């Protein structure tokens, strides 16, 4: 009788342990990102982003996302860096893991003219110049709301087919204080 009770206890314990192993505690992502900024005259920025998420449960994660992007518009070379943090909710079913997230943090941008015009316009890098300053650098609040879908390739590797988000920044460009943008990403996810 004791053997049967022990066997039943083990049979109940083993599925709980294997189910807990299906949820990775840490997920890292690296990939390509594209930002379409409508409010700044439809500027396009290309770059990359990387993120890490800690999953305390099978459906809730805490994510940190970092990105770097660059583009050229009207003779200006611009760069933007984002650093965002927040909750991620995932639905883990089979090979597909759709997720939604709300990330909050900041963004840093800078703009330079092409190198041949640089000496004619202004001295290098004036911090905090707004409203049409050619050499401008600024920090501001940023927020990304959206989600995506990961597809498992192996036990520890997934492909992020798409991550689509609304990206809000609040740079003062002399005309607007808010920029409403779209960010699209794809890449590889490593799970531990």
Protein backbone atom coordinates (compact mmCIF):
# COMPACT_ATOMS: atom_id res chain seq x y z
CA UNK A 1 0.00 0.00 0.00
CA UNK A 2 2.86 2.42 0.79
CA UNK A 3 4.41 1.66 -2.62
CA UNK A 4 1.16 2.54 -4.38
CA UNK A 5 0.83 5.79 -2.43
CA UNK A 6 4.44 6.69 -3.27
CA UNK A 7 3.92 5.80 -6.95
CA UNK A 8 0.74 7.93 -7.10
CA UNK A 9 2.56 10.82 -5.44
CA UNK A 10 5.41 10.60 -7.96
CA UNK A 11 2.93 10.41 -10.84
CA UNK A 12 1.29 13.61 -9.63
CA UNK A 13 4.63 15.37 -9.02
CA UNK A 14 6.35 14.55 -12.37
CA UNK A 15 3.78 16.29 -14.64
CA UNK A 16 3.93 19.42 -12.47
CA UNK A 17 7.74 19.54 -12.78
CA UNK A 18 7.73 18.97 -16.55
CA UNK A 19 5.00 21.60 -17.04
CA UNK A 20 7.09 24.10 -15.09
CA UNK A 21 10.04 23.40 -17.39
CA UNK A 22 8.00 24.36 -20.49
CA UNK A 23 8.11 28.01 -19.43
CA UNK A 24 11.52 29.59 -19.91
CA UNK A 25 12.57 31.78 -17.00
CA UNK A 26 14.68 34.06 -19.22
CA UNK A 27 14.06 35.00 -22.87
CA UNK A 28 16.42 37.16 -24.91
CA UNK A 29 15.70 38.69 -28.31
CA UNK A 30 17.91 40.32 -30.95
CA UNK A 31 16.80 41.45 -34.36
CA UNK A 32 16.09 44.07 -37.00
CA UNK A 33 13.73 46.99 -36.29
CA UNK A 34 12.08 49.56 -38.54
CA UNK A 35 10.43 52.75 -37.27
CA UNK A 36 8.01 54.80 -39.36
CA UNK A 37 7.63 58.30 -37.88
CA UNK A 38 4.51 60.02 -39.27
CA UNK A 39 4.72 63.26 -37.31
CA UNK A 40 8.19 64.21 -38.54
CA UNK A 41 7.35 64.20 -42.23
CA UNK A 42 7.25 60.40 -42.62
CA UNK A 43 10.84 59.69 -41.63
CA UNK A 44 12.02 56.08 -41.76
CA UNK A 45 14.56 54.74 -39.30
CA UNK A 46 16.32 51.37 -39.60
CA UNK A 47 18.25 49.61 -36.88
CA UNK A 48 18.12 46.88 -34.34
CA UNK A 49 16.70 46.09 -30.96
CA UNK A 50 17.45 43.66 -28.18
CA UNK A 51 15.36 42.67 -25.19
CA UNK A 52 15.41 40.38 -22.20
CA UNK A 53 12.41 39.14 -20.24
CA UNK A 54 12.20 37.41 -16.89
CA UNK A 55 9.12 35.16 -16.61
CA UNK A 56 8.02 34.59 -12.99
CA UNK A 57 4.95 32.68 -14.28
CA UNK A 58 4.05 30.98 -17.55
CA UNK A 59 1.97 33.99 -18.71
CA UNK A 60 3.60 37.05 -17.06
CA UNK A 61 7.02 38.46 -17.89
CA UNK A 62 9.00 41.59 -17.03
CA UNK A 63 10.78 42.92 -20.12
CA UNK A 64 13.59 45.37 -20.83
CA UNK A 65 13.97 46.55 -24.44
CA UNK A 66 16.85 48.54 -25.96
CA UNK A 67 17.06 49.77 -29.56
CA UNK A 68 19.25 51.85 -31.85
CA UNK A 69 18.01 53.31 -35.14
CA UNK A 70 19.27 55.71 -37.79
CA UNK A 71 17.99 57.42 -40.92
CA UNK A 72 18.43 60.39 -43.26
CA UNK A 73 15.82 63.00 -44.14
CA UNK A 74 16.28 66.31 -45.93
CA UNK A 75 20.06 66.22 -45.64
CA UNK A 76 20.04 65.43 -41.91
CA UNK A 77 21.47 62.22 -40.50
CA UNK A 78 19.57 61.24 -37.38
CA UNK A 79 19.87 58.56 -34.73
CA UNK A 80 17.53 57.47 -31.99
CA UNK A 81 18.07 55.13 -29.04
CA UNK A 82 15.22 53.74 -26.93
CA UNK A 83 15.29 52.14 -23.48
CA UNK A 84 11.96 50.71 -22.35
CA UNK A 85 10.73 48.49 -19.50
CA UNK A 86 7.42 46.92 -18.52
CA UNK A 87 5.12 43.90 -18.30
CA UNK A 88 4.65 41.27 -21.01
CA UNK A 89 1.75 38.82 -21.16
CA UNK A 90 2.31 35.61 -23.16
CA UNK A 91 -0.01 32.83 -24.25
CA UNK A 92 2.14 29.69 -24.54
CA UNK A 93 0.33 27.11 -26.67
CA UNK A 94 2.34 24.58 -28.65
CA UNK A 95 4.98 26.03 -30.94
CA UNK A 96 3.38 29.49 -31.10
CA UNK A 97 3.70 32.11 -28.36
CA UNK A 98 1.74 35.30 -29.01
CA UNK A 99 2.45 38.12 -26.55
CA UNK A 100 1.36 41.66 -25.69
CA UNK A 101 3.43 44.22 -23.82
CA UNK A 102 3.34 47.78 -22.48
CA UNK A 103 6.80 49.32 -22.19
CA UNK A 104 7.73 52.70 -20.70
CA UNK A 105 11.04 54.53 -20.53
CA UNK A 106 12.95 57.02 -22.60
CA UNK A 107 14.46 57.88 -25.95
CA UNK A 108 17.54 59.82 -26.99
CA UNK A 109 17.89 61.41 -30.41
CA UNK A 110 20.55 63.38 -32.23
CA UNK A 111 20.80 64.84 -35.72
CA UNK A 112 23.78 65.87 -37.85
CA UNK A 113 23.99 67.21 -41.38
CA UNK A 114 26.16 65.34 -43.90
CA UNK A 115 29.92 65.72 -43.17
CA UNK A 116 30.56 68.16 -46.06
CA UNK A 117 28.05 70.71 -44.64
CA UNK A 118 29.03 70.34 -40.98
CA UNK A 119 31.72 73.03 -40.82
CA UNK A 120 29.57 75.60 -42.64
CA UNK A 121 26.54 75.49 -40.36
CA UNK A 122 27.46 75.28 -36.66
CA UNK A 123 30.05 73.98 -34.25
CA UNK A 124 29.71 70.32 -33.33
CA UNK A 125 26.97 69.02 -30.95
CA UNK A 126 24.99 71.67 -29.15
CA UNK A 127 23.18 69.83 -26.38
CA UNK A 128 19.46 70.48 -26.04
CA UNK A 129 18.97 72.58 -29.19
CA UNK A 130 15.33 72.32 -30.23
CA UNK A 131 13.10 73.80 -32.90
CA UNK A 132 15.19 73.33 -36.00
CA UNK A 133 18.70 73.30 -34.54
CA UNK A 134 20.82 71.35 -37.00
CA UNK A 135 23.12 69.74 -34.44
CA UNK A 136 20.55 68.70 -31.87
CA UNK A 137 20.57 66.15 -29.09
CA UNK A 138 17.63 65.47 -26.80
CA UNK A 139 16.22 62.99 -24.27
CA UNK A 140 12.52 62.40 -23.65
CA UNK A 141 9.78 60.05 -22.45
CA UNK A 142 8.93 57.08 -24.69
CA UNK A 143 6.28 54.37 -24.62
CA UNK A 144 5.68 51.27 -26.76
CA UNK A 145 2.38 49.35 -26.81
CA UNK A 146 1.95 46.24 -28.91
CA UNK A 147 2.87 42.62 -29.24
CA UNK A 148 4.11 39.86 -31.47
CA UNK A 149 4.38 36.15 -32.19
CA UNK A 150 7.29 33.77 -31.50
CA UNK A 151 7.53 30.35 -33.18
CA UNK A 152 9.65 27.62 -31.56
CA UNK A 153 12.40 26.19 -33.75
CA UNK A 154 14.07 24.10 -31.01
CA UNK A 155 13.77 23.81 -27.25
CA UNK A 156 15.92 26.91 -26.68
CA UNK A 157 15.53 28.86 -29.94
CA UNK A 158 12.50 30.65 -31.38
CA UNK A 159 11.95 32.96 -34.32
CA UNK A 160 10.10 36.19 -33.67
CA UNK A 161 8.01 36.41 -36.83
CA UNK A 162 6.78 39.90 -36.03
CA UNK A 163 6.68 42.40 -33.22
CA UNK A 164 4.45 45.39 -34.05
CA UNK A 165 4.09 48.35 -31.71
CA UNK A 166 2.79 51.87 -31.41
CA UNK A 167 5.80 53.97 -30.34
CA UNK A 168 5.19 57.34 -28.68
CA UNK A 169 7.99 59.84 -28.13
CA UNK A 170 7.72 63.40 -26.84
CA UNK A 171 10.57 65.27 -28.51
CA UNK A 172 10.00 69.01 -28.89
CA UNK A 173 10.79 69.59 -32.55
CA UNK A 174 9.57 73.19 -32.51
CA UNK A 175 6.23 72.19 -34.05
CA UNK A 176 4.96 69.21 -32.05
CA UNK A 177 5.64 67.79 -28.64
CA UNK A 178 4.56 64.22 -29.53
CA UNK A 179 5.54 61.85 -32.27
CA UNK A 180 3.25 58.90 -33.05
CA UNK A 181 5.25 56.16 -34.74
CA UNK A 182 5.09 52.49 -35.63
CA UNK A 183 7.91 50.06 -34.78
CA UNK A 184 8.16 46.67 -36.53
CA UNK A 185 10.77 44.09 -35.48
CA UNK A 186 11.74 40.50 -36.29
CA UNK A 187 14.61 38.28 -35.15
CA UNK A 188 15.75 35.41 -32.96
CA UNK A 189 14.73 34.56 -29.39
CA UNK A 190 16.90 32.47 -27.05
CA UNK A 191 15.17 30.83 -24.08
CA UNK A 192 16.79 29.62 -20.86
